[in-house]
Amino acid sequence: MRKYTVEFIGTFFLVFVIGMSVRGSAGQFAPIAIGGILMVMIFAGGHISGGHFNPAVSLAALIRGALPKADFLPYVIAQVVGALAAGGLVVALLGKPVFTGSPELVPSLVVEFLATFALAWTVLNVATAKANANNSFYGLAIGSTVMVMAYAVGGISGGAFNPAVGFALPLMGLVNPGQSLVYLVANLLGGAVAGLAFNALARTTPTSTPSVRKA
């Protein structure tokens, strides 16, 4: 239960910062805040749960062999519930705006797939690879990946890179509800392909680095 609670907490604060910074006064600095809170939550909870806070990352870890099969569904449930709880709090604090735009389907699918692949690929390499065991940079690398991808393609798709976040963005009025399906498909596919690519290219056993070690 500790692992699932940590996944809830980490995803909650990730989505809370997304909503408050995007809808608040952070402006062009929002991706820095978002990447920063992800980094902090990973350093804070990675030693307990692995610090996924993202169903696509959990899927990549499952395929890689760094997450037990029995943990996958509870992780996803904790992540989605945490995201929706945070989204609800943002709406309670700021109200729900009227969303007037709609990201284009094909560009959204492409950039969400690529960004999620990059994120999951980074997680697997810095947090589960034997060559990077016991490093101190894994949280910074993962948070920075989200930050740079948000700057690069957030304007095209809304910048979820995470199915749990993808369910919360419409709740907060940041994208149209139909965009959640785009996130679900593209993000899970990106995570799965990253897991397969890692297995094909790295061929190492999971390590006990801080972000996958059990406390």
C-alpha atoms as a PDB file:
ATOM      1  CA  MET A   1       0.000   0.000   0.000  1.00  0.00           C
ATOM      2  CA  ARG A   2       2.934   2.360   0.653  1.00  0.00           C
ATOM      3  CA  LYS A   3       3.946   2.220  -2.996  1.00  0.00           C
ATOM      4  CA  TYR A   4       0.471   3.029  -4.240  1.00  0.00           C
ATOM      5  CA  THR A   5       0.094   5.902  -1.784  1.00  0.00           C
ATOM      6  CA  VAL A   6       3.376   7.388  -2.980  1.00  0.00           C
ATOM      7  CA  GLU A   7       2.223   7.077  -6.593  1.00  0.00           C
ATOM      8  CA  PHE A   8      -0.999   8.893  -5.640  1.00  0.00           C
ATOM      9  CA  ILE A   9       0.908  11.681  -3.875  1.00  0.00           C
ATOM     10  CA  GLY A  10       3.427  12.189  -6.662  1.00  0.00           C
ATOM     11  CA  THR A  11       0.811  12.258  -9.412  1.00  0.00           C
ATOM     12  CA  PHE A  12      -1.413  14.557  -7.342  1.00  0.00           C
ATOM     13  CA  PHE A  13       1.290  17.194  -6.975  1.00  0.00           C
ATOM     14  CA  LEU A  14       2.368  16.852 -10.598  1.00  0.00           C
ATOM     15  CA  VAL A  15      -1.154  17.588 -11.838  1.00  0.00           C
ATOM     16  CA  PHE A  16      -1.754  20.267  -9.209  1.00  0.00           C
ATOM     17  CA  VAL A  17       1.335  22.175 -10.373  1.00  0.00           C
ATOM     18  CA  ILE A  18       0.339  21.694 -14.025  1.00  0.00           C
ATOM     19  CA  GLY A  19      -3.096  23.178 -13.418  1.00  0.00           C
ATOM     20  CA  MET A  20      -2.028  26.016 -11.149  1.00  0.00           C
ATOM     21  CA  SER A  21       0.984  27.059 -13.235  1.00  0.00           C
ATOM     22  CA  VAL A  22      -0.690  26.831 -16.645  1.00  0.00           C
ATOM     23  CA  ARG A  23      -3.821  28.623 -15.478  1.00  0.00           C
ATOM     24  CA  GLY A  24      -1.972  30.920 -13.094  1.00  0.00           C
ATOM     25  CA  SER A  25       0.722  33.514 -13.636  1.00  0.00           C
ATOM     26  CA  ALA A  26       3.639  31.224 -14.513  1.00  0.00           C
ATOM     27  CA  GLY A  27       3.235  31.875 -18.232  1.00  0.00           C
ATOM     28  CA  GLN A  28       6.253  30.749 -20.236  1.00  0.00           C
ATOM     29  CA  PHE A  29       7.845  29.403 -17.053  1.00  0.00           C
ATOM     30  CA  ALA A  30       5.116  26.779 -16.528  1.00  0.00           C
ATOM     31  CA  PRO A  31       7.193  23.942 -18.062  1.00  0.00           C
ATOM     32  CA  ILE A  32       9.998  24.715 -15.609  1.00  0.00           C
ATOM     33  CA  ALA A  33       7.595  24.433 -12.681  1.00  0.00           C
ATOM     34  CA  ILE A  34       6.149  21.195 -14.069  1.00  0.00           C
ATOM     35  CA  GLY A  35       9.529  19.588 -14.703  1.00  0.00           C
ATOM     36  CA  GLY A  36      10.677  20.801 -11.295  1.00  0.00           C
ATOM     37  CA  ILE A  37       7.814  19.264  -9.327  1.00  0.00           C
ATOM     38  CA  LEU A  38       8.239  15.966 -11.173  1.00  0.00           C
ATOM     39  CA  MET A  39      11.926  15.966 -10.286  1.00  0.00           C
ATOM     40  CA  VAL A  40      11.171  16.715  -6.632  1.00  0.00           C
ATOM     41  CA  MET A  41       8.472  14.042  -6.344  1.00  0.00           C
ATOM     42  CA  ILE A  42      10.766  11.459  -7.955  1.00  0.00           C
ATOM     43  CA  PHE A  43      13.576  12.213  -5.523  1.00  0.00           C
ATOM     44  CA  ALA A  44      11.074  12.192  -2.647  1.00  0.00           C
ATOM     45  CA  GLY A  45       9.242   8.964  -3.459  1.00  0.00           C
ATOM     46  CA  GLY A  46      11.389   7.053  -5.912  1.00  0.00           C
ATOM     47  CA  HIS A  47      12.981   4.909  -3.216  1.00  0.00           C
ATOM     48  CA  ILE A  48       9.526   3.640  -2.218  1.00  0.00           C
ATOM     49  CA  SER A  49       7.522   3.228  -5.419  1.00  0.00           C
ATOM     50  CA  GLY A  50       9.954   3.865  -8.249  1.00  0.00           C
ATOM     51  CA  GLY A  51       8.507   7.333  -8.786  1.00  0.00           C
ATOM     52  CA  HIS A  52       6.531   6.640 -11.947  1.00  0.00           C
ATOM     53  CA  PHE A  53       3.525   8.971 -11.507  1.00  0.00           C
ATOM     54  CA  ASN A  54       2.547   8.031 -15.048  1.00  0.00           C
ATOM     55  CA  PRO A  55       0.779   4.908 -16.414  1.00  0.00           C
ATOM     56  CA  ALA A  56       2.936   5.024 -19.548  1.00  0.00           C
ATOM     57  CA  VAL A  57       6.106   4.901 -17.460  1.00  0.00           C
ATOM     58  CA  SER A  58       4.643   2.063 -15.396  1.00  0.00           C
ATOM     59  CA  LEU A  59       3.902   0.179 -18.622  1.00  0.00           C
ATOM     60  CA  ALA A  60       7.467   0.727 -19.830  1.00  0.00           C
ATOM     61  CA  ALA A  61       8.809  -0.492 -16.475  1.00  0.00           C
ATOM     62  CA  LEU A  62       6.530  -3.544 -16.639  1.00  0.00           C
ATOM     63  CA  ILE A  63       7.793  -4.462 -20.098  1.00  0.00           C
ATOM     64  CA  ARG A  64      11.370  -3.859 -18.996  1.00  0.00           C
ATOM     65  CA  GLY A  65      10.896  -6.138 -15.985  1.00  0.00           C
ATOM     66  CA  ALA A  66      11.351  -3.399 -13.372  1.00  0.00           C
ATOM     67  CA  LEU A  67       7.729  -3.501 -12.139  1.00  0.00           C
ATOM     68  CA  PRO A  68       5.959  -6.652 -10.903  1.00  0.00           C
ATOM     69  CA  LYS A  69       2.830  -7.525 -12.871  1.00  0.00           C
ATOM     70  CA  ALA A  70       0.731  -7.464  -9.700  1.00  0.00           C
ATOM     71  CA  ASP A  71       1.656  -3.811  -9.138  1.00  0.00           C
ATOM     72  CA  PHE A  72       0.770  -2.470 -12.574  1.00  0.00           C
ATOM     73  CA  LEU A  73      -2.992  -2.015 -12.188  1.00  0.00           C
ATOM     74  CA  PRO A  74      -2.800  -0.632  -8.612  1.00  0.00           C
ATOM     75  CA  TYR A  75      -0.149   1.836  -9.812  1.00  0.00           C
ATOM     76  CA  VAL A  76      -2.369   3.003 -12.666  1.00  0.00           C
ATOM     77  CA  ILE A  77      -5.398   3.350 -10.392  1.00  0.00           C
ATOM     78  CA  ALA A  78      -3.412   5.355  -7.838  1.00  0.00           C
ATOM     79  CA  GLN A  79      -2.008   7.594 -10.571  1.00  0.00           C
ATOM     80  CA  VAL A  80      -5.372   8.292 -12.205  1.00  0.00           C
ATOM     81  CA  VAL A  81      -7.121   8.911  -8.880  1.00  0.00           C
ATOM     82  CA  GLY A  82      -4.313  11.265  -7.818  1.00  0.00           C
ATOM     83  CA  ALA A  83      -4.544  13.151 -11.105  1.00  0.00           C
ATOM     84  CA  LEU A  84      -8.316  13.549 -10.922  1.00  0.00           C
ATOM     85  CA  ALA A  85      -8.185  14.634  -7.277  1.00  0.00           C
ATOM     86  CA  ALA A  86      -5.650  17.329  -8.128  1.00  0.00           C
ATOM     87  CA  GLY A  87      -7.650  18.412 -11.159  1.00  0.00           C
ATOM     88  CA  GLY A  88     -10.757  18.742  -9.024  1.00  0.00           C
ATOM     89  CA  LEU A  89      -8.869  20.860  -6.496  1.00  0.00           C
ATOM     90  CA  VAL A  90      -7.563  23.188  -9.218  1.00  0.00           C
ATOM     91  CA  VAL A  91     -11.120  23.712 -10.471  1.00  0.00           C
ATOM     92  CA  ALA A  92     -12.339  24.319  -6.919  1.00  0.00           C
ATOM     93  CA  LEU A  93      -9.651  26.967  -6.426  1.00  0.00           C
ATOM     94  CA  LEU A  94      -9.696  28.652  -9.818  1.00  0.00           C
ATOM     95  CA  GLY A  95     -13.005  27.664 -11.410  1.00  0.00           C
ATOM     96  CA  LYS A  96     -13.312  25.907 -14.740  1.00  0.00           C
ATOM     97  CA  PRO A  97     -12.593  28.005 -17.830  1.00  0.00           C
ATOM     98  CA  VAL A  98     -14.355  27.536 -21.145  1.00  0.00           C
ATOM     99  CA  PHE A  99     -12.007  25.732 -23.518  1.00  0.00           C
ATOM    100  CA  THR A 100     -12.233  27.181 -27.007  1.00  0.00           C
ATOM    101  CA  GLY A 101      -9.507  25.373 -28.954  1.00  0.00           C
ATOM    102  CA  SER A 102      -8.909  21.823 -30.144  1.00  0.00           C
ATOM    103  CA  PRO A 103      -5.451  20.384 -30.927  1.00  0.00           C
ATOM    104  CA  GLU A 104      -5.161  18.753 -34.336  1.00  0.00           C
ATOM    105  CA  LEU A 105      -5.468  14.974 -34.182  1.00  0.00           C
ATOM    106  CA  VAL A 106      -2.491  13.684 -36.172  1.00  0.00           C
ATOM    107  CA  PRO A 107       0.112  16.188 -34.893  1.00  0.00           C
ATOM    108  CA  SER A 108      -1.101  15.536 -31.337  1.00  0.00           C
ATOM    109  CA  LEU A 109      -0.718  11.786 -31.743  1.00  0.00           C
ATOM    110  CA  VAL A 110       2.763  12.138 -33.201  1.00  0.00           C
ATOM    111  CA  VAL A 111       4.213  14.518 -30.618  1.00  0.00           C
ATOM    112  CA  GLU A 112       2.564  12.794 -27.650  1.00  0.00           C
ATOM    113  CA  PHE A 113       4.006   9.469 -28.795  1.00  0.00           C
ATOM    114  CA  LEU A 114       7.490  10.916 -29.285  1.00  0.00           C
ATOM    115  CA  ALA A 115       7.542  12.871 -26.034  1.00  0.00           C
ATOM    116  CA  THR A 116       6.278   9.914 -23.991  1.00  0.00           C
ATOM    117  CA  PHE A 117       8.790   7.625 -25.653  1.00  0.00           C
ATOM    118  CA  ALA A 118      11.560  10.072 -24.736  1.00  0.00           C
ATOM    119  CA  LEU A 119      10.315  10.266 -21.152  1.00  0.00           C
ATOM    120  CA  ALA A 120       9.968   6.501 -20.648  1.00  0.00           C
ATOM    121  CA  TRP A 121      13.275   5.856 -22.447  1.00  0.00           C
ATOM    122  CA  THR A 122      14.995   8.290 -20.100  1.00  0.00           C
ATOM    123  CA  VAL A 123      13.409   6.708 -17.019  1.00  0.00           C
ATOM    124  CA  LEU A 124      14.500   3.213 -18.019  1.00  0.00           C
ATOM    125  CA  ASN A 125      18.054   4.269 -18.799  1.00  0.00           C
ATOM    126  CA  VAL A 126      18.757   6.498 -15.803  1.00  0.00           C
ATOM    127  CA  ALA A 127      16.700   4.648 -13.189  1.00  0.00           C
ATOM    128  CA  THR A 128      16.850   0.950 -14.089  1.00  0.00           C
ATOM    129  CA  ALA A 129      20.060   0.397 -16.070  1.00  0.00           C
ATOM    130  CA  LYS A 130      22.916  -1.357 -14.258  1.00  0.00           C
ATOM    131  CA  ALA A 131      25.461   1.044 -15.727  1.00  0.00           C
ATOM    132  CA  ASN A 132      23.690   3.942 -14.004  1.00  0.00           C
ATOM    133  CA  ALA A 133      23.136   2.247 -10.654  1.00  0.00           C
ATOM    134  CA  ASN A 134      23.170   4.491  -7.572  1.00  0.00           C
ATOM    135  CA  ASN A 135      23.386   7.691  -9.599  1.00  0.00           C
ATOM    136  CA  SER A 136      22.197  11.014  -8.182  1.00  0.00           C
ATOM    137  CA  PHE A 137      20.903  12.581 -11.382  1.00  0.00           C
ATOM    138  CA  TYR A 138      17.944  10.379 -12.285  1.00  0.00           C
ATOM    139  CA  GLY A 139      15.269  12.764 -10.970  1.00  0.00           C
ATOM    140  CA  LEU A 140      16.830  15.749 -12.707  1.00  0.00           C
ATOM    141  CA  ALA A 141      17.106  13.876 -16.000  1.00  0.00           C
ATOM    142  CA  ILE A 142      13.482  12.740 -15.902  1.00  0.00           C
ATOM    143  CA  GLY A 143      12.086  16.111 -14.840  1.00  0.00           C
ATOM    144  CA  SER A 144      14.186  17.863 -17.494  1.00  0.00           C
ATOM    145  CA  THR A 145      12.792  15.575 -20.188  1.00  0.00           C
ATOM    146  CA  VAL A 146       9.250  16.668 -19.337  1.00  0.00           C
ATOM    147  CA  MET A 147      10.319  20.322 -19.220  1.00  0.00           C
ATOM    148  CA  VAL A 148      12.028  20.367 -22.609  1.00  0.00           C
ATOM    149  CA  MET A 149       9.265  18.367 -24.278  1.00  0.00           C
ATOM    150  CA  ALA A 150       6.639  20.724 -22.848  1.00  0.00           C
ATOM    151  CA  TYR A 151       8.496  23.640 -24.383  1.00  0.00           C
ATOM    152  CA  ALA A 152       9.033  21.800 -27.663  1.00  0.00           C
ATOM    153  CA  VAL A 153       5.586  20.341 -28.363  1.00  0.00           C
ATOM    154  CA  GLY A 154       3.208  21.440 -25.602  1.00  0.00           C
ATOM    155  CA  GLY A 155       1.671  24.016 -27.910  1.00  0.00           C
ATOM    156  CA  ILE A 156       0.755  21.286 -30.406  1.00  0.00           C
ATOM    157  CA  SER A 157      -0.909  18.694 -28.171  1.00  0.00           C
ATOM    158  CA  GLY A 158      -1.410  20.278 -24.752  1.00  0.00           C
ATOM    159  CA  GLY A 159       1.660  18.469 -23.419  1.00  0.00           C
ATOM    160  CA  ALA A 160       0.373  15.573 -21.315  1.00  0.00           C
ATOM    161  CA  PHE A 161       2.947  12.820 -21.995  1.00  0.00           C
ATOM    162  CA  ASN A 162       0.998  10.895 -19.351  1.00  0.00           C
ATOM    163  CA  PRO A 163      -2.468   9.265 -19.565  1.00  0.00           C
ATOM    164  CA  ALA A 164      -3.291  10.220 -15.958  1.00  0.00           C
ATOM    165  CA  VAL A 165      -2.496  13.852 -16.722  1.00  0.00           C
ATOM    166  CA  GLY A 166      -4.482  13.413 -19.920  1.00  0.00           C
ATOM    167  CA  PHE A 167      -7.622  12.619 -17.937  1.00  0.00           C
ATOM    168  CA  ALA A 168      -7.105  15.628 -15.667  1.00  0.00           C
ATOM    169  CA  LEU A 169      -6.468  18.255 -18.353  1.00  0.00           C
ATOM    170  CA  PRO A 170     -10.094  18.262 -19.623  1.00  0.00           C
ATOM    171  CA  LEU A 171     -11.348  18.322 -16.035  1.00  0.00           C
ATOM    172  CA  MET A 172      -9.349  21.518 -15.496  1.00  0.00           C
ATOM    173  CA  GLY A 173     -10.658  22.947 -18.762  1.00  0.00           C
ATOM    174  CA  LEU A 174      -7.265  22.992 -20.470  1.00  0.00           C
ATOM    175  CA  VAL A 175      -8.149  20.765 -23.446  1.00  0.00           C
ATOM    176  CA  ASN A 176     -11.343  19.351 -24.908  1.00  0.00           C
ATOM    177  CA  PRO A 177     -12.535  16.007 -23.458  1.00  0.00           C
ATOM    178  CA  GLY A 178     -11.844  14.114 -26.683  1.00  0.00           C
ATOM    179  CA  GLN A 179      -8.144  14.845 -26.332  1.00  0.00           C
ATOM    180  CA  SER A 180      -7.971  12.346 -23.458  1.00  0.00           C
ATOM    181  CA  LEU A 181      -8.296   9.490 -25.946  1.00  0.00           C
ATOM    182  CA  VAL A 182      -5.382  10.885 -27.948  1.00  0.00           C
ATOM    183  CA  TYR A 183      -3.272  10.955 -24.792  1.00  0.00           C
ATOM    184  CA  LEU A 184      -4.337   7.455 -23.779  1.00  0.00           C
ATOM    185  CA  VAL A 185      -3.401   5.891 -27.114  1.00  0.00           C
ATOM    186  CA  ALA A 186      -0.242   7.872 -27.916  1.00  0.00           C
ATOM    187  CA  ASN A 187       1.175   7.856 -24.387  1.00  0.00           C
ATOM    188  CA  LEU A 188       0.684   4.144 -23.721  1.00  0.00           C
ATOM    189  CA  LEU A 189       2.093   3.325 -27.148  1.00  0.00           C
ATOM    190  CA  GLY A 190       5.111   5.548 -26.485  1.00  0.00           C
ATOM    191  CA  GLY A 191       5.730   3.855 -23.137  1.00  0.00           C
ATOM    192  CA  ALA A 192       5.359   0.373 -24.602  1.00  0.00           C
ATOM    193  CA  VAL A 193       7.729   1.073 -27.493  1.00  0.00           C
ATOM    194  CA  ALA A 194      10.286   2.567 -25.105  1.00  0.00           C
ATOM    195  CA  GLY A 195      10.148  -0.595 -22.992  1.00  0.00           C
ATOM    196  CA  LEU A 196      10.595  -2.807 -26.041  1.00  0.00           C
ATOM    197  CA  ALA A 197      13.417  -0.643 -27.377  1.00  0.00           C
ATOM    198  CA  PHE A 198      15.231  -0.755 -24.051  1.00  0.00           C
ATOM    199  CA  ASN A 199      14.963  -4.534 -23.899  1.00  0.00           C
ATOM    200  CA  ALA A 200      16.275  -4.830 -27.421  1.00  0.00           C
ATOM    201  CA  LEU A 201      19.177  -2.426 -27.008  1.00  0.00           C
ATOM    202  CA  ALA A 202      20.269  -2.595 -23.381  1.00  0.00           C
ATOM    203  CA  ARG A 203      19.692  -6.215 -22.368  1.00  0.00           C
ATOM    204  CA  THR A 204      20.559  -5.645 -18.707  1.00  0.00           C
ATOM    205  CA  THR A 205      18.863  -6.796 -15.528  1.00  0.00           C
ATOM    206  CA  PRO A 206      16.953  -4.240 -13.424  1.00  0.00           C
ATOM    207  CA  THR A 207      19.087  -2.534 -10.797  1.00  0.00           C
ATOM    208  CA  SER A 208      18.409  -1.240  -7.304  1.00  0.00           C
ATOM    209  CA  THR A 209      18.976   2.425  -8.167  1.00  0.00           C
ATOM    210  CA  PRO A 210      17.182   4.904  -5.931  1.00  0.00           C
ATOM    211  CA  SER A 211      14.138   5.175  -8.198  1.00  0.00           C
ATOM    212  CA  VAL A 212      13.412   1.436  -8.265  1.00  0.00           C
ATOM    213  CA  ARG A 213      14.745   0.275  -4.913  1.00  0.00           C
ATOM    214  CA  LYS A 214      12.261  -0.835  -2.272  1.00  0.00           C
ATOM    215  CA  ALA A 215      12.662   1.082   0.974  1.00  0.00           C
END
